[in-house]
Each structure stands twice: as structure tokens, then as C-alpha cells.
């Protein structure tokens, strides 16, 4: 199991923001996230993008999106610089959002789909950092295949082999077809999943926008299909089923009309995300010994585009 990071090594961060009521360790096991107070305000202090220009772009575009009515957190106004480079990292303070976590209900699924559609449909003056296309070589493919054999293989050798074959196809057959297609682009979240949303009376709020890029919007949809339920104990230990996926995408398409090209390439984009982001999740996860996470990871490893048809 992944151990949450302690607060003690980050005392300079908390001193910079003037934070109090700091928990002893991160509330999120996979990265440092600390709810605390700055003055009388409840905030969350966390790491953001590693390059100053990227961190600034995220701060500006989330402020612009929030000003236009999209429910996404924005850096709070503090006396100190925010975001701020402190030590080797850049940190940001966001408002603490009161609400509920994702429950897997139809209402919560519909709200998540609608919010993603609104995010994709909202233009901001500030452009997100450009999406970085991978450049796999034989060594990286072999590393992924070895990782799959070590993590997925003990539970299902056939599944590990199928994914290994998909990874082998990625550099020549999957990557160039998606990269060179000219798919519609916008600000994409890149890790749109349940544990990055808090549900208020008005609907969900995106509380982790820090990985946003400017790239093909279909990537966010494919990532949500595959990994929306990852790392969230309150979610089903599987990907969306067809009924849930229909609810999600129907709500999404209230704001975004997918093009014929996007519909044509949808199965290939799912393969792209599965062989790139999802294989990374499978290989790098420290949670294979956790019953819930293992069930999700094994279901993810067996996913394909046929699970996620796009409604008309």
C-alpha cells in the first residue's frame, strides 16, 4: 500500500503561505495534499506543475474558467505569492471545497459527464501547456512488457500477454494514427477521475486541475472511460459499465458535439490511452495487495473500446 507523505518535511511551504491547522500527513496517499487554514480561510495546499510558466498558465486559465461559471478551483488570493516555487517544487493553495465524494450514483455520474463537457466547451484566453506526445523506443516497450508480466501476469497471464501485444503495436500502429489525425483540441484535464471531484449542492467541482494540457479532447473521454473509478474506495472496483457510460457520455454531449473523425478514431484513442496511461497505472501501482484496487486494476487490464460505445 502507498503511504501518505508526512507534512514535516514541507515546513517551508506552510510557512510561506502562513498555514495553520496542518495535518500530520497528506490526505491523499499518492501525492502531497494538505488541507489547512490560511488566516480564517480553509484551503488545500498541494504541488502543482513543475515549470513556473506551466504553473502560471494553470493558475490563469482556471481563474478564467471559474469567472465564466465553470466549477473548478482557482488559486486563492493570499499575501504570499501563489503559486510559489519553494525548494524543488511549485506549490499552490486552493480553497477547501465542502461537499461529498463520488458515490457511484447515476446523479453523480451524470454530473461528472456534464462537468467534463462544460470544461471542454469553455474557451479561455490563457492556453494550457501543450500536450506532450510520447516517443517510445524498443527499450521502453520492453520495460512495459516486463512490468506487465510482473504485475498483471501473476493474476492473469493471458491478460498480461494481450496487453503486451497492444504495447508492441503502440509505436507504429496506434501512436501515429492518433497523433497525426488532427483531432479537435482544447484544455484537457488528463486525469479526469472521481477522486478529483467534490460534489456540492450545485454539482461537482474539479479540485485538481494541475495536470491540464492543451490536447485532443477525446483523450479525456477515453481516460474517464478507463480510469474514472481508480484510486477511489467509494467507487465500484471496475470501469464504467455500459449503462453508466451512457449516462456519462449523454451528459457530456449536452455541451460537446463529437465530430465524425472523433467517432471514427474512438476505438484507437481508447487503445492509445490503455497502452500509454493505463499500462503505466498497472505497472507502477503499489496497491496490488489491496483487494479493492486489485479488482479495479484487473478489470482495467481487460478493458477494450467495445465496453464504451459512443451514443448517437
Protein backbone atom coordinates (compact mmCIF):
# COMPACT_ATOMS: atom_id res chain seq x y z
CA UNK A 1 0.00 0.00 0.00
CA UNK A 2 1.09 3.55 -0.72
CA UNK A 3 1.99 5.50 2.43
CA UNK A 4 0.81 9.14 2.62
CA UNK A 5 3.58 11.72 2.69
CA UNK A 6 4.26 13.40 6.07
CA UNK A 7 3.83 17.15 6.48
CA UNK A 8 7.02 17.74 8.47
CA UNK A 9 9.45 17.98 5.51
CA UNK A 10 7.32 20.75 3.99
CA UNK A 11 7.54 23.28 6.81
CA UNK A 12 8.91 25.95 4.44
CA UNK A 13 5.81 25.56 2.27
CA UNK A 14 3.42 26.06 5.16
CA UNK A 15 5.48 28.98 6.49
CA UNK A 16 5.34 30.67 3.06
CA UNK A 17 1.53 30.57 3.00
CA UNK A 18 1.17 31.26 6.74
CA UNK A 19 -0.72 27.98 7.14
CA UNK A 20 -2.05 26.60 10.42
CA UNK A 21 -4.05 23.51 11.46
CA UNK A 22 -1.87 21.35 9.24
CA UNK A 23 -2.46 17.58 9.31
CA UNK A 24 0.47 15.32 10.15
CA UNK A 25 0.35 13.67 6.74
CA UNK A 26 -1.15 14.12 3.28
CA UNK A 27 -4.83 13.26 2.94
CA UNK A 28 -4.06 11.76 -0.47
CA UNK A 29 -1.67 8.80 -0.50
CA UNK A 30 -0.26 9.37 -3.98
CA UNK A 31 0.93 12.99 -3.71
CA UNK A 32 1.23 15.70 -1.02
CA UNK A 33 -2.18 17.30 -0.39
CA UNK A 34 -2.70 19.16 2.90
CA UNK A 35 -6.00 20.76 4.00
CA UNK A 36 -5.25 23.55 6.47
CA UNK A 37 -6.04 27.20 7.21
CA UNK A 38 -4.60 30.45 5.94
CA UNK A 39 -5.96 33.14 8.22
CA UNK A 40 -9.60 32.22 8.73
CA UNK A 41 -9.94 30.50 5.36
CA UNK A 42 -9.88 26.76 4.85
CA UNK A 43 -7.53 25.90 2.00
CA UNK A 44 -5.76 22.95 0.44
CA UNK A 45 -2.03 23.26 -0.23
CA UNK A 46 -0.59 20.91 -2.83
CA UNK A 47 2.06 20.64 -5.51
CA UNK A 48 1.30 21.95 -8.96
CA UNK A 49 3.18 21.86 -12.27
CA UNK A 50 6.95 21.72 -12.12
CA UNK A 51 7.76 24.54 -14.56
CA UNK A 52 6.93 28.11 -13.42
CA UNK A 53 5.38 29.05 -16.77
CA UNK A 54 3.16 25.95 -16.68
CA UNK A 55 2.07 26.59 -13.09
CA UNK A 56 1.24 30.20 -14.02
CA UNK A 57 -0.76 29.05 -17.06
CA UNK A 58 -2.84 26.69 -14.93
CA UNK A 59 -3.48 29.46 -12.39
CA UNK A 60 -4.61 31.89 -15.09
CA UNK A 61 -6.79 29.53 -17.09
CA UNK A 62 -8.57 28.10 -14.02
CA UNK A 63 -9.32 31.65 -12.87
CA UNK A 64 -10.73 32.46 -16.29
CA UNK A 65 -12.80 29.26 -16.37
CA UNK A 66 -14.13 29.91 -12.86
CA UNK A 67 -15.00 33.50 -13.81
CA UNK A 68 -17.04 32.13 -16.72
CA UNK A 69 -19.03 29.94 -14.34
CA UNK A 70 -17.26 26.59 -14.68
CA UNK A 71 -16.95 24.90 -11.26
CA UNK A 72 -13.18 24.47 -10.94
CA UNK A 73 -10.89 25.59 -8.12
CA UNK A 74 -8.65 28.59 -8.62
CA UNK A 75 -5.60 29.69 -6.64
CA UNK A 76 -6.73 31.65 -3.59
CA UNK A 77 -5.63 35.25 -3.12
CA UNK A 78 -3.04 35.35 -0.35
CA UNK A 79 -0.50 37.85 0.87
CA UNK A 80 2.18 35.45 -0.29
CA UNK A 81 2.89 34.53 -3.88
CA UNK A 82 0.50 31.79 -5.06
CA UNK A 83 1.51 29.57 -6.84
CA UNK A 84 5.04 29.74 -5.44
CA UNK A 85 8.34 27.97 -6.09
CA UNK A 86 9.54 26.60 -2.76
CA UNK A 87 12.52 24.31 -2.68
CA UNK A 88 12.50 21.95 -5.66
CA UNK A 89 8.77 22.21 -6.36
CA UNK A 90 5.98 24.68 -7.06
CA UNK A 91 3.08 24.76 -4.62
CA UNK A 92 -0.41 26.20 -4.83
CA UNK A 93 -3.15 26.95 -2.32
CA UNK A 94 -6.73 26.26 -3.43
CA UNK A 95 -9.95 26.85 -1.50
CA UNK A 96 -11.21 23.89 0.51
CA UNK A 97 -14.45 22.75 -1.11
CA UNK A 98 -17.15 21.47 1.24
CA UNK A 99 -19.17 18.62 -0.20
CA UNK A 100 -19.47 14.91 -0.79
CA UNK A 101 -17.20 12.46 -2.55
CA UNK A 102 -18.32 10.42 -5.53
CA UNK A 103 -20.76 7.66 -4.64
CA UNK A 104 -21.26 5.95 -7.99
CA UNK A 105 -24.88 7.11 -8.19
CA UNK A 106 -26.49 7.93 -11.53
CA UNK A 107 -26.73 11.56 -10.41
CA UNK A 108 -23.02 11.72 -9.64
CA UNK A 109 -22.10 10.05 -12.95
CA UNK A 110 -24.29 12.47 -14.92
CA UNK A 111 -22.80 15.45 -13.07
CA UNK A 112 -19.27 14.28 -13.86
CA UNK A 113 -20.05 13.88 -17.55
CA UNK A 114 -21.68 17.30 -17.72
CA UNK A 115 -18.76 19.00 -15.96
CA UNK A 116 -16.25 17.48 -18.38
CA UNK A 117 -18.38 18.69 -21.28
CA UNK A 118 -18.52 22.19 -19.82
CA UNK A 119 -14.76 22.21 -19.30
CA UNK A 120 -14.16 21.19 -22.91
CA UNK A 121 -16.66 23.72 -24.24
CA UNK A 122 -15.17 26.66 -22.31
CA UNK A 123 -12.58 28.79 -24.10
CA UNK A 124 -10.03 30.70 -22.01
CA UNK A 125 -7.64 33.44 -23.06
CA UNK A 126 -4.78 31.51 -21.46
CA UNK A 127 -3.66 28.34 -23.24
CA UNK A 128 -2.76 25.26 -21.21
CA UNK A 129 0.71 23.73 -21.65
CA UNK A 130 0.95 21.76 -24.87
CA UNK A 131 0.23 18.05 -24.63
CA UNK A 132 3.48 16.10 -24.89
CA UNK A 133 3.35 13.14 -27.25
CA UNK A 134 5.37 10.11 -26.16
CA UNK A 135 8.38 8.87 -28.10
CA UNK A 136 8.59 5.15 -27.31
CA UNK A 137 11.55 3.02 -28.34
CA UNK A 138 12.28 -0.70 -28.14
CA UNK A 139 13.70 -0.36 -24.64
CA UNK A 140 10.62 1.42 -23.23
CA UNK A 141 8.31 -1.12 -24.88
CA UNK A 142 10.31 -3.96 -23.35
CA UNK A 143 10.19 -2.28 -19.93
CA UNK A 144 6.39 -2.01 -20.13
CA UNK A 145 6.11 -5.64 -21.20
CA UNK A 146 8.32 -6.78 -18.32
CA UNK A 147 6.29 -4.65 -15.93
CA UNK A 148 3.02 -6.16 -17.14
CA UNK A 149 4.41 -9.67 -16.72
CA UNK A 150 5.42 -8.83 -13.15
CA UNK A 151 2.19 -7.08 -12.06
CA UNK A 152 -0.70 -8.40 -14.16
CA UNK A 153 0.91 -11.73 -15.03
CA UNK A 154 0.60 -13.40 -11.59
CA UNK A 155 -3.17 -12.78 -11.67
CA UNK A 156 -3.84 -13.41 -15.37
CA UNK A 157 -1.08 -14.46 -17.74
CA UNK A 158 -3.44 -14.22 -20.73
CA UNK A 159 -4.39 -10.63 -19.89
CA UNK A 160 -0.74 -9.65 -19.44
CA UNK A 161 0.08 -11.20 -22.81
CA UNK A 162 -2.77 -9.37 -24.57
CA UNK A 163 -1.63 -6.05 -23.12
CA UNK A 164 1.96 -6.84 -24.02
CA UNK A 165 0.88 -7.28 -27.64
CA UNK A 166 -1.02 -3.97 -27.50
CA UNK A 167 2.08 -2.21 -26.16
CA UNK A 168 4.13 -3.70 -29.01
CA UNK A 169 1.65 -2.24 -31.55
CA UNK A 170 1.67 1.20 -29.93
CA UNK A 171 4.72 2.88 -31.56
CA UNK A 172 3.94 2.05 -35.20
CA UNK A 173 0.21 1.35 -35.37
CA UNK A 174 -1.54 3.33 -32.62
CA UNK A 175 0.53 6.43 -31.78
CA UNK A 176 0.98 7.85 -35.31
CA UNK A 177 -2.65 7.28 -36.26
CA UNK A 178 -3.86 9.31 -33.28
CA UNK A 179 -1.06 11.90 -33.24
CA UNK A 180 -1.34 12.77 -36.92
CA UNK A 181 -5.13 12.74 -37.24
CA UNK A 182 -5.77 16.40 -36.41
CA UNK A 183 -8.31 15.63 -33.66
CA UNK A 184 -10.12 18.63 -32.12
CA UNK A 185 -8.15 20.07 -29.20
CA UNK A 186 -8.97 22.08 -26.09
CA UNK A 187 -7.89 22.27 -22.45
CA UNK A 188 -7.92 18.67 -21.21
CA UNK A 189 -7.71 17.59 -17.58
CA UNK A 190 -5.63 14.46 -18.45
CA UNK A 191 -6.64 12.64 -15.25
CA UNK A 192 -10.37 13.21 -15.01
CA UNK A 193 -11.47 10.77 -12.33
CA UNK A 194 -13.76 10.51 -9.34
CA UNK A 195 -11.26 11.37 -6.63
CA UNK A 196 -10.59 14.75 -8.28
CA UNK A 197 -14.22 15.86 -7.88
CA UNK A 198 -16.12 17.13 -4.85
CA UNK A 199 -19.92 17.21 -5.09
CA UNK A 200 -21.72 20.28 -3.75
CA UNK A 201 -25.41 21.12 -3.80
CA UNK A 202 -24.83 22.74 -7.21
CA UNK A 203 -22.96 19.75 -8.63
CA UNK A 204 -19.35 18.57 -8.89
CA UNK A 205 -16.30 20.83 -8.62
CA UNK A 206 -12.96 19.91 -10.19
CA UNK A 207 -10.47 20.22 -7.33
CA UNK A 208 -7.32 19.02 -9.13
CA UNK A 209 -6.77 20.90 -12.40
CA UNK A 210 -2.98 20.90 -12.14
CA UNK A 211 -2.23 18.34 -14.85
CA UNK A 212 -4.24 20.16 -17.52
CA UNK A 213 -2.80 20.29 -21.04
CA UNK A 214 -3.91 21.56 -24.43
CA UNK A 215 -4.56 18.40 -26.41
CA UNK A 216 -7.17 16.16 -28.06
CA UNK A 217 -10.39 16.34 -26.07
CA UNK A 218 -11.10 12.70 -26.88
CA UNK A 219 -8.21 11.76 -24.56
CA UNK A 220 -10.13 12.98 -21.51
CA UNK A 221 -13.15 10.97 -22.55
CA UNK A 222 -11.08 7.81 -23.03
CA UNK A 223 -9.25 8.33 -19.74
CA UNK A 224 -12.55 8.74 -17.90
CA UNK A 225 -13.89 5.58 -19.55
CA UNK A 226 -10.92 3.59 -18.37
CA UNK A 227 -9.87 5.15 -15.09
CA UNK A 228 -12.65 7.27 -13.60
CA UNK A 229 -13.03 4.77 -10.74
CA UNK A 230 -9.32 4.34 -10.00
CA UNK A 231 -7.87 5.04 -6.53
CA UNK A 232 -11.30 5.80 -5.05
CA UNK A 233 -12.54 3.43 -2.33
CA UNK A 234 -16.13 4.64 -2.67
CA UNK A 235 -16.34 3.84 -6.38
CA UNK A 236 -17.07 0.47 -7.98
CA UNK A 237 -13.93 -1.63 -8.30
CA UNK A 238 -14.24 -1.69 -12.10
CA UNK A 239 -14.53 0.63 -15.08
CA UNK A 240 -17.92 2.09 -16.07
CA UNK A 241 -20.43 -0.47 -17.27
CA UNK A 242 -22.37 0.27 -20.47
CA UNK A 243 -25.35 1.84 -18.66
CA UNK A 244 -23.13 4.11 -16.54
CA UNK A 245 -21.04 5.03 -19.55
CA UNK A 246 -24.17 6.01 -21.49
CA UNK A 247 -25.21 8.30 -18.63
CA UNK A 248 -21.76 9.90 -18.55
CA UNK A 249 -21.41 10.46 -22.29
CA UNK A 250 -25.00 11.60 -22.81
CA UNK A 251 -24.40 14.31 -20.19
CA UNK A 252 -21.04 15.18 -21.76
CA UNK A 253 -22.60 15.60 -25.20
CA UNK A 254 -25.03 18.21 -23.94
CA UNK A 255 -22.06 20.57 -24.28
CA UNK A 256 -19.76 18.94 -26.85
CA UNK A 257 -20.73 17.55 -30.24
CA UNK A 258 -18.19 14.92 -31.25
CA UNK A 259 -17.07 15.09 -34.88
CA UNK A 260 -17.24 12.20 -37.37
CA UNK A 261 -13.44 11.92 -37.16
CA UNK A 262 -13.58 11.59 -33.38
CA UNK A 263 -16.21 8.87 -33.65
CA UNK A 264 -14.14 7.04 -36.26
CA UNK A 265 -10.97 7.15 -34.16
CA UNK A 266 -12.62 6.49 -30.81
CA UNK A 267 -11.55 2.82 -30.61
CA UNK A 268 -7.97 3.76 -31.48
CA UNK A 269 -7.91 6.56 -28.88
CA UNK A 270 -9.12 4.08 -26.24
CA UNK A 271 -6.25 1.79 -27.28
CA UNK A 272 -3.87 4.77 -27.06
CA UNK A 273 -4.90 5.63 -23.51
CA UNK A 274 -4.98 1.98 -22.47
CA UNK A 275 -1.50 1.28 -23.81
CA UNK A 276 0.00 4.54 -22.54
CA UNK A 277 -1.62 5.94 -19.36
CA UNK A 278 -3.36 2.76 -18.19
CA UNK A 279 -0.37 0.46 -18.67
CA UNK A 280 1.64 2.97 -16.63
CA UNK A 281 -1.01 2.73 -13.89
CA UNK A 282 -0.90 -1.07 -13.96
CA UNK A 283 2.89 -1.26 -13.86
CA UNK A 284 3.53 1.50 -11.32
CA UNK A 285 0.70 0.83 -8.85
CA UNK A 286 1.78 -0.05 -5.31
CA UNK A 287 -1.73 -1.22 -4.49
CA UNK A 288 -1.88 -4.72 -5.96
CA UNK A 289 -2.12 -6.14 -2.43
CA UNK A 290 -5.23 -4.05 -1.71
CA UNK A 291 -8.34 -6.11 -2.56
CA UNK A 292 -10.36 -3.21 -3.92
CA UNK A 293 -7.59 -1.73 -6.03
CA UNK A 294 -6.52 -5.12 -7.34
CA UNK A 295 -10.07 -5.81 -8.54
CA UNK A 296 -10.11 -2.46 -10.34
CA UNK A 297 -6.67 -2.96 -11.86
CA UNK A 298 -7.54 -6.40 -13.19
CA UNK A 299 -10.77 -5.09 -14.69
CA UNK A 300 -8.86 -2.19 -16.26
CA UNK A 301 -6.31 -4.61 -17.71
CA UNK A 302 -9.10 -6.45 -19.54
CA UNK A 303 -10.87 -3.34 -20.88
CA UNK A 304 -11.30 -2.52 -24.55
CA UNK A 305 -13.21 0.00 -26.66
CA UNK A 306 -16.20 -2.30 -27.09
CA UNK A 307 -17.11 -1.60 -23.44
CA UNK A 308 -17.53 2.08 -24.17
CA UNK A 309 -19.77 2.72 -27.20
CA UNK A 310 -20.43 6.36 -28.05
CA UNK A 311 -24.16 7.16 -28.04
CA UNK A 312 -25.62 8.94 -31.06
